[in-house]
């Protein structure tokens, strides 16, 4: 691995841990984690005490396959946030801790969070 790539990866991990050290999810108030890849978007609700993923969705999930929400976009983020919030409320999870990871809170991440708030999640 070249030195530039190694430094970039170290910087990314530092950003992740700088944000995440202040957050802790539990079964009553899980961590709402966001991950963006090159083409897709993923969101999870994680219980850090038991180290278990309570709920997870992404643009590659079965409910979104063969729809217009199959790729990463603001519209897909809004739809994903709404779906995740509805599924969380069905599992009696209303309060979460938002973990933006290494991403700035704008664009797709902001749309995802806003849609989840509008659908009933509190954070």
N, C-alpha and C. Protein backbone atom coordinates (compact mmCIF):
# COMPACT_ATOMS: atom_id res chain seq x y z
N UNK A 1 0.85 -1.17 0.00
CA UNK A 1 0.00 0.00 0.00
C UNK A 1 0.90 1.24 0.00
N UNK A 2 0.55 2.18 -0.84
CA UNK A 2 1.35 3.39 -0.91
C UNK A 2 1.14 4.25 0.32
N UNK A 3 2.10 5.13 0.57
CA UNK A 3 2.05 5.96 1.77
C UNK A 3 0.83 6.88 1.78
N UNK A 4 0.48 7.45 0.62
CA UNK A 4 -0.68 8.35 0.55
C UNK A 4 -1.98 7.64 0.88
N UNK A 5 -2.15 6.43 0.36
CA UNK A 5 -3.36 5.64 0.63
C UNK A 5 -3.43 5.26 2.11
N UNK A 6 -2.30 4.91 2.67
CA UNK A 6 -2.25 4.53 4.09
C UNK A 6 -2.64 5.71 4.97
N UNK A 7 -2.11 6.88 4.67
CA UNK A 7 -2.44 8.08 5.45
C UNK A 7 -3.92 8.43 5.32
N UNK A 8 -4.48 8.26 4.13
CA UNK A 8 -5.90 8.54 3.92
C UNK A 8 -6.76 7.61 4.76
N UNK A 9 -6.40 6.32 4.79
CA UNK A 9 -7.17 5.36 5.59
C UNK A 9 -7.05 5.66 7.08
N UNK A 10 -5.88 6.04 7.54
CA UNK A 10 -5.70 6.40 8.94
C UNK A 10 -6.56 7.61 9.29
N UNK A 11 -6.60 8.60 8.41
CA UNK A 11 -7.42 9.80 8.64
C UNK A 11 -8.89 9.44 8.72
N UNK A 12 -9.34 8.54 7.84
CA UNK A 12 -10.74 8.12 7.87
C UNK A 12 -11.09 7.45 9.18
N UNK A 13 -10.26 6.52 9.65
CA UNK A 13 -10.54 5.84 10.91
C UNK A 13 -10.51 6.80 12.08
N UNK A 14 -9.63 7.78 12.05
CA UNK A 14 -9.60 8.77 13.13
C UNK A 14 -10.90 9.56 13.18
N UNK A 15 -11.42 9.94 12.01
CA UNK A 15 -12.70 10.66 11.98
C UNK A 15 -13.83 9.81 12.53
N UNK A 16 -13.85 8.53 12.16
CA UNK A 16 -14.90 7.62 12.65
C UNK A 16 -14.84 7.52 14.16
N UNK A 17 -13.67 7.27 14.71
CA UNK A 17 -13.56 7.08 16.15
C UNK A 17 -13.74 8.37 16.93
N UNK A 18 -13.40 9.51 16.34
CA UNK A 18 -13.61 10.79 17.00
C UNK A 18 -15.11 11.03 17.20
N UNK A 19 -15.92 10.66 16.21
CA UNK A 19 -17.38 10.81 16.32
C UNK A 19 -17.95 9.74 17.24
N UNK A 20 -17.50 8.50 17.06
CA UNK A 20 -18.11 7.37 17.74
C UNK A 20 -17.75 7.26 19.21
N UNK A 21 -16.65 7.86 19.66
CA UNK A 21 -16.28 7.73 21.07
C UNK A 21 -17.28 8.43 21.99
N UNK A 22 -18.06 9.35 21.43
CA UNK A 22 -19.04 10.08 22.23
C UNK A 22 -20.41 9.40 22.22
N UNK A 23 -20.57 8.37 21.40
CA UNK A 23 -21.86 7.71 21.22
C UNK A 23 -21.84 6.29 21.77
N UNK A 24 -22.93 5.89 22.38
CA UNK A 24 -23.05 4.53 22.88
C UNK A 24 -24.50 4.11 22.75
N UNK A 25 -24.76 3.02 22.06
CA UNK A 25 -26.12 2.54 21.88
C UNK A 25 -26.48 1.49 22.90
N UNK A 26 -27.76 1.42 23.26
CA UNK A 26 -28.25 0.40 24.19
C UNK A 26 -29.52 -0.20 23.59
N UNK A 27 -30.12 -1.14 24.28
CA UNK A 27 -31.33 -1.76 23.75
C UNK A 27 -32.51 -0.78 23.79
N UNK A 28 -32.53 0.13 24.77
CA UNK A 28 -33.59 1.14 24.83
C UNK A 28 -33.35 2.27 23.85
N UNK A 29 -32.08 2.61 23.62
CA UNK A 29 -31.72 3.73 22.75
C UNK A 29 -30.54 3.30 21.88
N UNK A 30 -30.81 2.56 20.79
CA UNK A 30 -29.72 2.03 19.96
C UNK A 30 -29.04 3.11 19.12
N UNK A 31 -27.88 2.75 18.60
CA UNK A 31 -27.11 3.66 17.74
C UNK A 31 -27.60 3.50 16.30
N UNK A 32 -27.96 4.62 15.67
CA UNK A 32 -28.44 4.66 14.29
C UNK A 32 -27.22 4.98 13.43
N UNK A 33 -26.61 3.96 12.85
CA UNK A 33 -25.37 4.09 12.11
C UNK A 33 -25.62 4.18 10.62
N UNK A 34 -24.85 5.05 9.94
CA UNK A 34 -24.99 5.27 8.50
C UNK A 34 -23.68 4.90 7.82
N UNK A 35 -23.77 4.21 6.67
CA UNK A 35 -22.59 3.91 5.86
C UNK A 35 -22.93 4.17 4.40
N UNK A 36 -22.04 4.86 3.72
CA UNK A 36 -22.21 5.13 2.29
C UNK A 36 -21.07 4.45 1.54
N UNK A 37 -21.42 3.65 0.54
CA UNK A 37 -20.39 3.11 -0.34
C UNK A 37 -20.45 3.92 -1.64
N UNK A 38 -19.73 3.49 -2.64
CA UNK A 38 -19.72 4.22 -3.89
C UNK A 38 -21.07 4.28 -4.57
N UNK A 39 -21.84 3.19 -4.50
CA UNK A 39 -23.13 3.12 -5.19
C UNK A 39 -24.33 2.95 -4.27
N UNK A 40 -24.10 2.60 -3.01
CA UNK A 40 -25.21 2.24 -2.14
C UNK A 40 -25.15 2.95 -0.81
N UNK A 41 -26.23 2.83 -0.06
CA UNK A 41 -26.40 3.47 1.23
C UNK A 41 -26.96 2.43 2.20
N UNK A 42 -26.44 2.42 3.42
CA UNK A 42 -26.86 1.44 4.42
C UNK A 42 -27.11 2.14 5.75
N UNK A 43 -28.10 1.67 6.50
CA UNK A 43 -28.42 2.20 7.82
C UNK A 43 -28.74 1.03 8.75
N UNK A 44 -28.25 1.14 10.00
CA UNK A 44 -28.46 0.07 10.97
C UNK A 44 -28.82 0.66 12.32
N UNK A 45 -29.54 -0.11 13.11
CA UNK A 45 -29.74 0.19 14.52
C UNK A 45 -28.96 -0.85 15.31
N UNK A 46 -28.02 -0.39 16.14
CA UNK A 46 -27.07 -1.28 16.79
C UNK A 46 -27.14 -1.11 18.31
N UNK A 47 -27.20 -2.23 19.02
CA UNK A 47 -27.11 -2.26 20.48
C UNK A 47 -25.65 -2.53 20.82
N UNK A 48 -24.91 -1.51 21.28
CA UNK A 48 -23.49 -1.67 21.56
C UNK A 48 -23.21 -2.46 22.83
N UNK A 49 -24.14 -2.48 23.76
CA UNK A 49 -23.92 -3.24 25.00
C UNK A 49 -23.90 -4.74 24.73
N UNK A 50 -24.83 -5.22 23.90
CA UNK A 50 -24.90 -6.64 23.56
C UNK A 50 -24.15 -6.96 22.27
N UNK A 51 -23.67 -5.92 21.58
CA UNK A 51 -22.97 -6.05 20.30
C UNK A 51 -23.83 -6.79 19.28
N UNK A 52 -25.06 -6.29 19.10
CA UNK A 52 -26.03 -6.92 18.21
C UNK A 52 -26.64 -5.85 17.31
N UNK A 53 -26.84 -6.20 16.05
CA UNK A 53 -27.56 -5.33 15.13
C UNK A 53 -29.05 -5.65 15.26
N UNK A 54 -29.83 -4.67 15.69
CA UNK A 54 -31.25 -4.88 15.90
C UNK A 54 -32.04 -4.80 14.60
N UNK A 55 -31.59 -3.92 13.70
CA UNK A 55 -32.31 -3.70 12.46
C UNK A 55 -31.36 -3.12 11.44
N UNK A 56 -31.44 -3.57 10.22
CA UNK A 56 -30.56 -3.04 9.18
C UNK A 56 -31.25 -3.01 7.84
N UNK A 57 -31.04 -1.93 7.10
CA UNK A 57 -31.58 -1.79 5.76
C UNK A 57 -30.54 -1.12 4.87
N UNK A 58 -30.66 -1.35 3.60
CA UNK A 58 -29.79 -0.70 2.64
C UNK A 58 -30.47 -0.61 1.29
N UNK A 59 -29.83 0.08 0.38
CA UNK A 59 -30.41 0.19 -0.96
C UNK A 59 -30.37 -1.13 -1.70
N UNK A 60 -29.64 -2.11 -1.18
CA UNK A 60 -29.61 -3.44 -1.78
C UNK A 60 -30.56 -4.42 -1.09
N UNK A 61 -31.31 -3.98 -0.09
CA UNK A 61 -32.23 -4.85 0.63
C UNK A 61 -33.36 -5.31 -0.29
N UNK A 62 -33.97 -6.44 0.05
CA UNK A 62 -35.03 -7.01 -0.78
C UNK A 62 -36.20 -6.06 -1.03
N UNK A 63 -36.68 -5.31 -0.03
CA UNK A 63 -37.83 -4.43 -0.32
C UNK A 63 -37.51 -3.34 -1.35
N UNK A 64 -36.25 -3.00 -1.52
CA UNK A 64 -35.89 -1.93 -2.46
C UNK A 64 -35.37 -2.43 -3.79
N UNK A 65 -35.23 -3.74 -3.95
CA UNK A 65 -34.74 -4.27 -5.22
C UNK A 65 -35.78 -4.04 -6.32
N UNK A 66 -35.29 -3.77 -7.51
CA UNK A 66 -36.12 -3.51 -8.68
C UNK A 66 -37.06 -2.32 -8.49
N UNK A 67 -36.61 -1.31 -7.75
CA UNK A 67 -37.36 -0.06 -7.60
C UNK A 67 -36.43 1.08 -8.01
N UNK A 68 -36.96 2.29 -7.97
CA UNK A 68 -36.14 3.45 -8.31
C UNK A 68 -35.21 3.84 -7.16
N UNK A 69 -35.35 3.19 -6.01
CA UNK A 69 -34.53 3.50 -4.84
C UNK A 69 -33.36 2.53 -4.69
N UNK A 70 -32.97 1.88 -5.76
CA UNK A 70 -31.95 0.85 -5.72
C UNK A 70 -30.53 1.40 -5.65
N UNK A 71 -30.32 2.65 -6.02
CA UNK A 71 -28.99 3.27 -6.00
C UNK A 71 -28.97 4.42 -5.01
N UNK A 72 -27.78 4.85 -4.63
CA UNK A 72 -27.60 5.92 -3.66
C UNK A 72 -28.05 7.25 -4.26
N UNK A 73 -29.04 7.89 -3.62
CA UNK A 73 -29.52 9.20 -4.01
C UNK A 73 -30.26 9.80 -2.83
N UNK A 74 -30.61 11.08 -2.94
CA UNK A 74 -31.36 11.73 -1.86
C UNK A 74 -32.75 11.12 -1.72
N UNK A 75 -33.36 10.79 -2.83
CA UNK A 75 -34.70 10.16 -2.79
C UNK A 75 -34.63 8.79 -2.11
N UNK A 76 -33.60 8.02 -2.45
CA UNK A 76 -33.43 6.71 -1.83
C UNK A 76 -33.15 6.87 -0.33
N UNK A 77 -32.39 7.89 0.05
CA UNK A 77 -32.10 8.13 1.46
C UNK A 77 -33.37 8.47 2.23
N UNK A 78 -34.23 9.31 1.64
CA UNK A 78 -35.50 9.64 2.28
C UNK A 78 -36.35 8.39 2.47
N UNK A 79 -36.45 7.58 1.45
CA UNK A 79 -37.26 6.35 1.51
C UNK A 79 -36.68 5.37 2.54
N UNK A 80 -35.37 5.23 2.54
CA UNK A 80 -34.70 4.33 3.48
C UNK A 80 -34.90 4.78 4.92
N UNK A 81 -34.80 6.08 5.17
CA UNK A 81 -35.02 6.62 6.52
C UNK A 81 -36.44 6.39 7.00
N UNK A 82 -37.40 6.58 6.11
CA UNK A 82 -38.80 6.36 6.47
C UNK A 82 -39.06 4.88 6.76
N UNK A 83 -38.54 3.99 5.91
CA UNK A 83 -38.73 2.55 6.13
C UNK A 83 -38.09 2.09 7.43
N UNK A 84 -36.86 2.56 7.70
CA UNK A 84 -36.16 2.16 8.91
C UNK A 84 -36.92 2.63 10.15
N UNK A 85 -37.43 3.85 10.12
CA UNK A 85 -38.18 4.38 11.26
C UNK A 85 -39.46 3.57 11.51
N UNK A 86 -40.17 3.22 10.44
CA UNK A 86 -41.40 2.44 10.60
C UNK A 86 -41.11 1.06 11.18
N UNK A 87 -40.05 0.42 10.69
CA UNK A 87 -39.69 -0.90 11.23
C UNK A 87 -39.23 -0.80 12.68
N UNK A 88 -38.52 0.27 13.03
CA UNK A 88 -38.06 0.46 14.40
C UNK A 88 -39.24 0.68 15.34
N UNK A 89 -40.21 1.47 14.91
CA UNK A 89 -41.38 1.72 15.75
C UNK A 89 -42.19 0.45 15.94
N UNK A 90 -42.24 -0.41 14.91
CA UNK A 90 -42.91 -1.72 15.06
C UNK A 90 -42.22 -2.56 16.11
N UNK A 91 -40.88 -2.42 16.25
CA UNK A 91 -40.13 -3.16 17.26
C UNK A 91 -40.08 -2.41 18.59
N UNK A 92 -40.90 -1.35 18.70
CA UNK A 92 -41.02 -0.54 19.92
C UNK A 92 -39.72 0.20 20.25
N UNK A 93 -39.04 0.68 19.23
CA UNK A 93 -37.85 1.53 19.40
C UNK A 93 -38.23 2.91 18.90
N UNK A 94 -38.25 3.88 19.80
CA UNK A 94 -38.63 5.23 19.42
C UNK A 94 -37.47 6.21 19.52
N UNK A 95 -36.52 5.96 20.42
CA UNK A 95 -35.40 6.88 20.61
C UNK A 95 -34.10 6.21 20.17
N UNK A 96 -33.26 6.95 19.44
CA UNK A 96 -31.98 6.44 18.95
C UNK A 96 -30.90 7.50 19.15
N UNK A 97 -29.66 7.07 18.99
CA UNK A 97 -28.50 7.97 19.00
C UNK A 97 -27.96 7.95 17.57
N UNK A 98 -27.90 9.12 16.92
CA UNK A 98 -27.50 9.17 15.51
C UNK A 98 -25.98 9.17 15.39
N UNK A 99 -25.46 8.24 14.59
CA UNK A 99 -24.03 8.10 14.33
C UNK A 99 -23.79 8.35 12.85
N UNK A 100 -23.27 9.51 12.53
CA UNK A 100 -23.04 9.87 11.13
C UNK A 100 -21.76 9.26 10.58
N UNK A 101 -20.95 8.64 11.43
CA UNK A 101 -19.71 8.03 11.00
C UNK A 101 -18.70 9.08 10.60
N UNK A 102 -18.03 8.88 9.47
CA UNK A 102 -17.02 9.84 9.04
C UNK A 102 -17.58 10.89 8.09
N UNK A 103 -18.91 10.87 7.88
CA UNK A 103 -19.53 11.74 6.89
C UNK A 103 -20.05 13.02 7.53
N UNK A 104 -19.99 14.11 6.79
CA UNK A 104 -20.55 15.37 7.25
C UNK A 104 -22.07 15.26 7.25
N UNK A 105 -22.70 16.02 8.13
CA UNK A 105 -24.15 16.00 8.24
C UNK A 105 -24.74 16.95 7.19
N UNK A 106 -24.73 16.53 5.94
CA UNK A 106 -25.36 17.27 4.86
C UNK A 106 -25.63 16.30 3.71
N UNK A 107 -26.43 16.73 2.76
CA UNK A 107 -26.72 15.89 1.60
C UNK A 107 -27.51 14.65 1.96
N UNK A 108 -26.99 13.51 1.54
CA UNK A 108 -27.69 12.24 1.71
C UNK A 108 -27.87 11.88 3.18
N UNK A 109 -26.86 12.12 3.99
CA UNK A 109 -26.95 11.79 5.43
C UNK A 109 -28.03 12.63 6.10
N UNK A 110 -28.10 13.90 5.73
CA UNK A 110 -29.12 14.80 6.30
C UNK A 110 -30.52 14.38 5.87
N UNK A 111 -30.68 13.99 4.62
CA UNK A 111 -31.98 13.52 4.12
C UNK A 111 -32.43 12.25 4.85
N UNK A 112 -31.51 11.33 5.06
CA UNK A 112 -31.81 10.08 5.77
C UNK A 112 -32.28 10.37 7.19
N UNK A 113 -31.54 11.22 7.88
CA UNK A 113 -31.89 11.56 9.27
C UNK A 113 -33.21 12.32 9.35
N UNK A 114 -33.41 13.25 8.43
CA UNK A 114 -34.65 14.03 8.43
C UNK A 114 -35.88 13.16 8.18
N UNK A 115 -35.77 12.23 7.26
CA UNK A 115 -36.88 11.32 6.97
C UNK A 115 -37.19 10.43 8.16
N UNK A 116 -36.15 9.96 8.84
CA UNK A 116 -36.37 9.12 10.03
C UNK A 116 -37.05 9.92 11.14
N UNK A 117 -36.67 11.18 11.29
CA UNK A 117 -37.30 12.03 12.30
C UNK A 117 -38.77 12.26 11.97
N UNK A 118 -39.05 12.56 10.70
CA UNK A 118 -40.43 12.81 10.29
C UNK A 118 -41.31 11.58 10.47
N UNK A 119 -40.72 10.40 10.32
CA UNK A 119 -41.48 9.15 10.45
C UNK A 119 -41.67 8.74 11.91
N UNK A 120 -41.06 9.45 12.85
CA UNK A 120 -41.34 9.17 14.25
C UNK A 120 -40.17 8.84 15.15
N UNK A 121 -38.96 8.66 14.62
CA UNK A 121 -37.81 8.40 15.49
C UNK A 121 -37.37 9.70 16.17
N UNK A 122 -36.93 9.60 17.39
CA UNK A 122 -36.49 10.78 18.15
C UNK A 122 -34.99 10.67 18.41
N UNK A 123 -34.25 11.70 17.96
CA UNK A 123 -32.82 11.80 18.25
C UNK A 123 -32.38 13.22 18.08
